[in-house]
């Protein structure tokens, strides 16, 4: 599925309705924007951010929270 959206002067983009319906994104939901080699991926987390409390415990200190969380959300184990 391909849709086109326009970036507003404030940097806002409306997620097309077909994607909102498929991903069950409702007003007030949070989504992740993850930079990939191919561009930007948008994910609706399966859990709330509160569910990730303590997620980095035991991780390498040089690994950033954003990198670890992105890998987890994309299903990549480290």
PDB file of N, CA and C in Angstrom:
ATOM      1  N   UNK A   1       0.850  -1.167   0.000  1.00  0.00           N
ATOM      2  CA  UNK A   1       0.000   0.000   0.000  1.00  0.00           C
ATOM      3  C   UNK A   1       0.902   1.239   0.000  1.00  0.00           C
ATOM      4  N   UNK A   2       0.573   2.192  -0.818  1.00  0.00           N
ATOM      5  CA  UNK A   2       1.330   3.431  -0.912  1.00  0.00           C
ATOM      6  C   UNK A   2       0.369   4.603  -0.803  1.00  0.00           C
ATOM      7  N   UNK A   3       0.716   5.552   0.008  1.00  0.00           N
ATOM      8  CA  UNK A   3      -0.065   6.789   0.165  1.00  0.00           C
ATOM      9  C   UNK A   3       0.921   7.949   0.181  1.00  0.00           C
ATOM     10  N   UNK A   4       0.450   9.131  -0.146  1.00  0.00           N
ATOM     11  CA  UNK A   4       1.273  10.336  -0.122  1.00  0.00           C
ATOM     12  C   UNK A   4       0.669  11.310   0.875  1.00  0.00           C
ATOM     13  N   UNK A   5       1.526  11.924   1.669  1.00  0.00           N
ATOM     14  CA  UNK A   5       1.092  12.936   2.622  1.00  0.00           C
ATOM     15  C   UNK A   5       1.980  14.167   2.443  1.00  0.00           C
ATOM     16  N   UNK A   6       1.468  15.315   2.811  1.00  0.00           N
ATOM     17  CA  UNK A   6       2.202  16.571   2.698  1.00  0.00           C
ATOM     18  C   UNK A   6       2.601  17.054   4.081  1.00  0.00           C
ATOM     19  N   UNK A   7       3.827  17.534   4.209  1.00  0.00           N
ATOM     20  CA  UNK A   7       4.315  18.072   5.475  1.00  0.00           C
ATOM     21  C   UNK A   7       3.834  19.511   5.593  1.00  0.00           C
ATOM     22  N   UNK A   8       3.219  19.832   6.735  1.00  0.00           N
ATOM     23  CA  UNK A   8       2.718  21.191   6.965  1.00  0.00           C
ATOM     24  C   UNK A   8       3.877  22.119   7.327  1.00  0.00           C
ATOM     25  N   UNK A   9       3.636  23.430   7.340  1.00  0.00           N
ATOM     26  CA  UNK A   9       4.686  24.376   7.743  1.00  0.00           C
ATOM     27  C   UNK A   9       5.215  24.105   9.161  1.00  0.00           C
ATOM     28  N   UNK A  10       4.414  23.455  10.005  1.00  0.00           N
ATOM     29  CA  UNK A  10       4.856  23.121  11.368  1.00  0.00           C
ATOM     30  C   UNK A  10       5.564  21.772  11.432  1.00  0.00           C
ATOM     31  N   UNK A  11       5.756  21.111  10.276  1.00  0.00           N
ATOM     32  CA  UNK A  11       6.418  19.820  10.249  1.00  0.00           C
ATOM     33  C   UNK A  11       5.489  18.659  10.564  1.00  0.00           C
ATOM     34  N   UNK A  12       4.191  18.893  10.511  1.00  0.00           N
ATOM     35  CA  UNK A  12       3.223  17.851  10.829  1.00  0.00           C
ATOM     36  C   UNK A  12       2.798  17.104   9.571  1.00  0.00           C
ATOM     37  N   UNK A  13       2.532  15.817   9.749  1.00  0.00           N
ATOM     38  CA  UNK A  13       2.054  14.973   8.664  1.00  0.00           C
ATOM     39  C   UNK A  13       0.843  14.209   9.182  1.00  0.00           C
ATOM     40  N   UNK A  14      -0.203  14.155   8.391  1.00  0.00           N
ATOM     41  CA  UNK A  14      -1.369  13.357   8.748  1.00  0.00           C
ATOM     42  C   UNK A  14      -1.150  11.947   8.220  1.00  0.00           C
ATOM     43  N   UNK A  15      -1.270  10.963   9.104  1.00  0.00           N
ATOM     44  CA  UNK A  15      -1.147   9.571   8.683  1.00  0.00           C
ATOM     45  C   UNK A  15      -2.403   9.233   7.884  1.00  0.00           C
ATOM     46  N   UNK A  16      -2.239   8.754   6.658  1.00  0.00           N
ATOM     47  CA  UNK A  16      -3.412   8.451   5.831  1.00  0.00           C
ATOM     48  C   UNK A  16      -4.372   7.479   6.521  1.00  0.00           C
ATOM     49  N   UNK A  17      -5.659   7.673   6.267  1.00  0.00           N
ATOM     50  CA  UNK A  17      -6.703   6.896   6.928  1.00  0.00           C
ATOM     51  C   UNK A  17      -6.528   5.392   6.747  1.00  0.00           C
ATOM     52  N   UNK A  18      -6.129   4.957   5.567  1.00  0.00           N
ATOM     53  CA  UNK A  18      -5.947   3.522   5.334  1.00  0.00           C
ATOM     54  C   UNK A  18      -4.918   2.927   6.291  1.00  0.00           C
ATOM     55  N   UNK A  19      -3.832   3.669   6.561  1.00  0.00           N
ATOM     56  CA  UNK A  19      -2.813   3.196   7.494  1.00  0.00           C
ATOM     57  C   UNK A  19      -3.311   3.265   8.934  1.00  0.00           C
ATOM     58  N   UNK A  20      -4.011   4.357   9.266  1.00  0.00           N
ATOM     59  CA  UNK A  20      -4.563   4.463  10.637  1.00  0.00           C
ATOM     60  C   UNK A  20      -5.518   3.315  10.908  1.00  0.00           C
ATOM     61  N   UNK A  21      -6.355   2.983   9.931  1.00  0.00           N
ATOM     62  CA  UNK A  21      -7.305   1.882  10.113  1.00  0.00           C
ATOM     63  C   UNK A  21      -6.571   0.548  10.265  1.00  0.00           C
ATOM     64  N   UNK A  22      -5.617   0.285   9.377  1.00  0.00           N
ATOM     65  CA  UNK A  22      -4.904  -0.995   9.400  1.00  0.00           C
ATOM     66  C   UNK A  22      -4.108  -1.181  10.695  1.00  0.00           C
ATOM     67  N   UNK A  23      -3.470  -0.104  11.175  1.00  0.00           N
ATOM     68  CA  UNK A  23      -2.654  -0.188  12.390  1.00  0.00           C
ATOM     69  C   UNK A  23      -3.442   0.124  13.655  1.00  0.00           C
ATOM     70  N   UNK A  24      -4.735   0.409  13.478  1.00  0.00           N
ATOM     71  CA  UNK A  24      -5.616   0.750  14.608  1.00  0.00           C
ATOM     72  C   UNK A  24      -5.057   1.921  15.428  1.00  0.00           C
ATOM     73  N   UNK A  25      -4.632   2.956  14.714  1.00  0.00           N
ATOM     74  CA  UNK A  25      -4.119   4.164  15.355  1.00  0.00           C
ATOM     75  C   UNK A  25      -5.286   5.096  15.616  1.00  0.00           C
ATOM     76  N   UNK A  26      -5.460   5.444  16.862  1.00  0.00           N
ATOM     77  CA  UNK A  26      -6.558   6.304  17.299  1.00  0.00           C
ATOM     78  C   UNK A  26      -6.003   7.644  17.789  1.00  0.00           C
ATOM     79  N   UNK A  27      -6.842   8.693  17.838  1.00  0.00           N
ATOM     80  CA  UNK A  27      -6.375   9.976  18.376  1.00  0.00           C
ATOM     81  C   UNK A  27      -5.797   9.782  19.783  1.00  0.00           C
ATOM     82  N   UNK A  28      -4.640  10.368  20.017  1.00  0.00           N
ATOM     83  CA  UNK A  28      -3.981  10.270  21.322  1.00  0.00           C
ATOM     84  C   UNK A  28      -2.977   9.133  21.408  1.00  0.00           C
ATOM     85  N   UNK A  29      -2.993   8.183  20.439  1.00  0.00           N
ATOM     86  CA  UNK A  29      -2.010   7.099  20.436  1.00  0.00           C
ATOM     87  C   UNK A  29      -0.626   7.666  20.141  1.00  0.00           C
ATOM     88  N   UNK A  30       0.390   6.956  20.600  1.00  0.00           N
ATOM     89  CA  UNK A  30       1.770   7.319  20.295  1.00  0.00           C
ATOM     90  C   UNK A  30       2.277   6.401  19.199  1.00  0.00           C
ATOM     91  N   UNK A  31       3.145   6.935  18.341  1.00  0.00           N
ATOM     92  CA  UNK A  31       3.785   6.143  17.295  1.00  0.00           C
ATOM     93  C   UNK A  31       5.285   6.416  17.331  1.00  0.00           C
ATOM     94  N   UNK A  32       6.067   5.441  16.902  1.00  0.00           N
ATOM     95  CA  UNK A  32       7.511   5.597  16.799  1.00  0.00           C
ATOM     96  C   UNK A  32       7.873   5.949  15.373  1.00  0.00           C
ATOM     97  N   UNK A  33       8.779   6.915  15.205  1.00  0.00           N
ATOM     98  CA  UNK A  33       9.387   7.216  13.919  1.00  0.00           C
ATOM     99  C   UNK A  33      10.818   6.712  14.031  1.00  0.00           C
ATOM    100  N   UNK A  34      11.170   5.734  13.201  1.00  0.00           N
ATOM    101  CA  UNK A  34      12.490   5.123  13.287  1.00  0.00           C
ATOM    102  C   UNK A  34      13.199   5.318  11.952  1.00  0.00           C
ATOM    103  N   UNK A  35      14.408   5.904  12.019  1.00  0.00           N
ATOM    104  CA  UNK A  35      15.200   6.105  10.808  1.00  0.00           C
ATOM    105  C   UNK A  35      15.820   4.767  10.419  1.00  0.00           C
ATOM    106  N   UNK A  36      15.632   4.381   9.169  1.00  0.00           N
ATOM    107  CA  UNK A  36      16.214   3.145   8.652  1.00  0.00           C
ATOM    108  C   UNK A  36      17.133   3.481   7.486  1.00  0.00           C
ATOM    109  N   UNK A  37      17.792   2.480   6.953  1.00  0.00           N
ATOM    110  CA  UNK A  37      18.648   2.710   5.783  1.00  0.00           C
ATOM    111  C   UNK A  37      17.834   3.176   4.583  1.00  0.00           C
ATOM    112  N   UNK A  38      16.570   2.767   4.532  1.00  0.00           N
ATOM    113  CA  UNK A  38      15.724   3.081   3.384  1.00  0.00           C
ATOM    114  C   UNK A  38      14.869   4.328   3.570  1.00  0.00           C
ATOM    115  N   UNK A  39      14.843   4.891   4.764  1.00  0.00           N
ATOM    116  CA  UNK A  39      14.011   6.064   5.016  1.00  0.00           C
ATOM    117  C   UNK A  39      13.524   6.087   6.449  1.00  0.00           C
ATOM    118  N   UNK A  40      12.244   6.317   6.632  1.00  0.00           N
ATOM    119  CA  UNK A  40      11.647   6.398   7.964  1.00  0.00           C
ATOM    120  C   UNK A  40      10.536   5.366   8.059  1.00  0.00           C
ATOM    121  N   UNK A  41      10.536   4.627   9.153  1.00  0.00           N
ATOM    122  CA  UNK A  41       9.466   3.661   9.414  1.00  0.00           C
ATOM    123  C   UNK A  41       8.633   4.192  10.572  1.00  0.00           C
ATOM    124  N   UNK A  42       7.329   3.994  10.504  1.00  0.00           N
ATOM    125  CA  UNK A  42       6.429   4.428  11.567  1.00  0.00           C
ATOM    126  C   UNK A  42       5.815   3.185  12.185  1.00  0.00           C
ATOM    127  N   UNK A  43       5.913   3.069  13.516  1.00  0.00           N
ATOM    128  CA  UNK A  43       5.380   1.922  14.227  1.00  0.00           C
ATOM    129  C   UNK A  43       4.454   2.372  15.335  1.00  0.00           C
ATOM    130  N   UNK A  44       3.397   1.645  15.520  1.00  0.00           N
ATOM    131  CA  UNK A  44       2.568   1.821  16.704  1.00  0.00           C
ATOM    132  C   UNK A  44       3.060   0.781  17.694  1.00  0.00           C
ATOM    133  N   UNK A  45       3.527   1.210  18.866  1.00  0.00           N
ATOM    134  CA  UNK A  45       4.039   0.227  19.826  1.00  0.00           C
ATOM    135  C   UNK A  45       2.941  -0.711  20.298  1.00  0.00           C
ATOM    136  N   UNK A  46       3.304  -1.967  20.495  1.00  0.00           N
ATOM    137  CA  UNK A  46       2.357  -2.942  21.010  1.00  0.00           C
ATOM    138  C   UNK A  46       2.139  -2.754  22.499  1.00  0.00           C
ATOM    139  N   UNK A  47       3.095  -2.075  23.125  1.00  0.00           N
ATOM    140  CA  UNK A  47       3.019  -1.793  24.558  1.00  0.00           C
ATOM    141  C   UNK A  47       3.085  -0.288  24.747  1.00  0.00           C
ATOM    142  N   UNK A  48       2.701   0.171  25.925  1.00  0.00           N
ATOM    143  CA  UNK A  48       2.855   1.589  26.235  1.00  0.00           C
ATOM    144  C   UNK A  48       4.320   1.845  26.597  1.00  0.00           C
ATOM    145  N   UNK A  49       4.748   3.076  26.530  1.00  0.00           N
ATOM    146  CA  UNK A  49       6.126   3.395  26.899  1.00  0.00           C
ATOM    147  C   UNK A  49       6.411   3.019  28.344  1.00  0.00           C
ATOM    148  N   UNK A  50       5.406   3.067  29.188  1.00  0.00           N
ATOM    149  CA  UNK A  50       5.581   2.679  30.596  1.00  0.00           C
ATOM    150  C   UNK A  50       5.980   1.202  30.704  1.00  0.00           C
ATOM    151  N   UNK A  51       5.530   0.378  29.776  1.00  0.00           N
ATOM    152  CA  UNK A  51       5.880  -1.046  29.787  1.00  0.00           C
ATOM    153  C   UNK A  51       7.364  -1.283  29.530  1.00  0.00           C
ATOM    154  N   UNK A  52       8.052  -0.281  29.005  1.00  0.00           N
ATOM    155  CA  UNK A  52       9.478  -0.419  28.717  1.00  0.00           C
ATOM    156  C   UNK A  52      10.358   0.004  29.890  1.00  0.00           C
ATOM    157  N   UNK A  53       9.768   0.347  31.021  1.00  0.00           N
ATOM    158  CA  UNK A  53      10.557   0.732  32.196  1.00  0.00           C
ATOM    159  C   UNK A  53      11.516  -0.406  32.537  1.00  0.00           C
ATOM    160  N   UNK A  54      12.795  -0.074  32.726  1.00  0.00           N
ATOM    161  CA  UNK A  54      13.809  -1.062  33.051  1.00  0.00           C
ATOM    162  C   UNK A  54      14.322  -1.836  31.851  1.00  0.00           C
ATOM    163  N   UNK A  55      13.884  -1.474  30.667  1.00  0.00           N
ATOM    164  CA  UNK A  55      14.235  -2.181  29.437  1.00  0.00           C
ATOM    165  C   UNK A  55      15.748  -2.214  29.200  1.00  0.00           C
ATOM    166  N   UNK A  56      16.454  -1.152  29.553  1.00  0.00           N
ATOM    167  CA  UNK A  56      17.886  -1.064  29.269  1.00  0.00           C
ATOM    168  C   UNK A  56      18.763  -1.690  30.348  1.00  0.00           C
ATOM    169  N   UNK A  57      18.177  -2.174  31.412  1.00  0.00           N
ATOM    170  CA  UNK A  57      18.959  -2.770  32.492  1.00  0.00           C
ATOM    171  C   UNK A  57      19.813  -3.905  31.927  1.00  0.00           C
ATOM    172  N   UNK A  58      21.117  -3.822  32.178  1.00  0.00           N
ATOM    173  CA  UNK A  58      22.028  -4.854  31.695  1.00  0.00           C
ATOM    174  C   UNK A  58      22.510  -4.657  30.265  1.00  0.00           C
ATOM    175  N   UNK A  59      22.076  -3.601  29.601  1.00  0.00           N
ATOM    176  CA  UNK A  59      22.525  -3.342  28.224  1.00  0.00           C
ATOM    177  C   UNK A  59      23.878  -2.645  28.257  1.00  0.00           C
ATOM    178  N   UNK A  60      24.586  -2.719  27.143  1.00  0.00           N
ATOM    179  CA  UNK A  60      25.877  -2.044  27.019  1.00  0.00           C
ATOM    180  C   UNK A  60      25.677  -0.544  27.176  1.00  0.00           C
ATOM    181  N   UNK A  61      26.517   0.122  27.977  1.00  0.00           N
ATOM    182  CA  UNK A  61      26.319   1.556  28.222  1.00  0.00           C
ATOM    183  C   UNK A  61      26.448   2.420  26.979  1.00  0.00           C
ATOM    184  N   UNK A  62      27.201   1.957  25.970  1.00  0.00           N
ATOM    185  CA  UNK A  62      27.360   2.785  24.770  1.00  0.00           C
ATOM    186  C   UNK A  62      26.158   2.711  23.834  1.00  0.00           C
ATOM    187  N   UNK A  63      25.282   1.743  24.057  1.00  0.00           N
ATOM    188  CA  UNK A  63      24.093   1.630  23.217  1.00  0.00           C
ATOM    189  C   UNK A  63      23.049   2.630  23.701  1.00  0.00           C
ATOM    190  N   UNK A  64      22.583   3.466  22.811  1.00  0.00           N
ATOM    191  CA  UNK A  64      21.619   4.484  23.216  1.00  0.00           C
ATOM    192  C   UNK A  64      20.242   3.874  23.424  1.00  0.00           C
ATOM    193  N   UNK A  65      19.438   4.534  24.213  1.00  0.00           N
ATOM    194  CA  UNK A  65      18.069   4.093  24.452  1.00  0.00           C
ATOM    195  C   UNK A  65      17.310   4.004  23.133  1.00  0.00           C
ATOM    196  N   UNK A  66      17.470   5.016  22.286  1.00  0.00           N
ATOM    197  CA  UNK A  66      16.748   5.044  21.014  1.00  0.00           C
ATOM    198  C   UNK A  66      17.121   3.854  20.143  1.00  0.00           C
ATOM    199  N   UNK A  67      18.417   3.528  20.080  1.00  0.00           N
ATOM    200  CA  UNK A  67      18.855   2.390  19.261  1.00  0.00           C
ATOM    201  C   UNK A  67      18.311   1.080  19.808  1.00  0.00           C
ATOM    202  N   UNK A  68      18.390   0.901  21.125  1.00  0.00           N
ATOM    203  CA  UNK A  68      17.910  -0.337  21.744  1.00  0.00           C
ATOM    204  C   UNK A  68      16.403  -0.482  21.574  1.00  0.00           C
ATOM    205  N   UNK A  69      15.671   0.600  21.771  1.00  0.00           N
ATOM    206  CA  UNK A  69      14.221   0.550  21.648  1.00  0.00           C
ATOM    207  C   UNK A  69      13.805   0.297  20.197  1.00  0.00           C
ATOM    208  N   UNK A  70      14.471   0.966  19.263  1.00  0.00           N
ATOM    209  CA  UNK A  70      14.166   0.760  17.844  1.00  0.00           C
ATOM    210  C   UNK A  70      14.404  -0.698  17.456  1.00  0.00           C
ATOM    211  N   UNK A  71      15.515  -1.265  17.894  1.00  0.00           N
ATOM    212  CA  UNK A  71      15.813  -2.659  17.582  1.00  0.00           C
ATOM    213  C   UNK A  71      14.752  -3.582  18.170  1.00  0.00           C
ATOM    214  N   UNK A  72      14.342  -3.286  19.391  1.00  0.00           N
ATOM    215  CA  UNK A  72      13.321  -4.104  20.042  1.00  0.00           C
ATOM    216  C   UNK A  72      11.980  -4.017  19.304  1.00  0.00           C
ATOM    217  N   UNK A  73      11.580  -2.804  18.962  1.00  0.00           N
ATOM    218  CA  UNK A  73      10.309  -2.604  18.272  1.00  0.00           C
ATOM    219  C   UNK A  73      10.328  -3.282  16.902  1.00  0.00           C
ATOM    220  N   UNK A  74      11.470  -3.284  16.242  1.00  0.00           N
ATOM    221  CA  UNK A  74      11.573  -3.886  14.915  1.00  0.00           C
ATOM    222  C   UNK A  74      11.830  -5.394  14.991  1.00  0.00           C
ATOM    223  N   UNK A  75      11.892  -5.934  16.229  1.00  0.00           N
ATOM    224  CA  UNK A  75      12.035  -7.373  16.398  1.00  0.00           C
ATOM    225  C   UNK A  75      13.449  -7.894  16.285  1.00  0.00           C
ATOM    226  N   UNK A  76      14.426  -7.003  16.411  1.00  0.00           N
ATOM    227  CA  UNK A  76      15.829  -7.413  16.322  1.00  0.00           C
ATOM    228  C   UNK A  76      16.364  -7.614  17.735  1.00  0.00           C
ATOM    229  N   UNK A  77      16.813  -8.800  18.034  1.00  0.00           N
ATOM    230  CA  UNK A  77      17.398  -9.056  19.356  1.00  0.00           C
ATOM    231  C   UNK A  77      18.867  -8.694  19.325  1.00  0.00           C
ATOM    232  N   UNK A  78      19.348  -8.133  20.410  1.00  0.00           N
ATOM    233  CA  UNK A  78      20.771  -7.769  20.510  1.00  0.00           C
ATOM    234  C   UNK A  78      21.395  -8.480  21.660  1.00  0.00           C
TER     235      UNK A  78
END
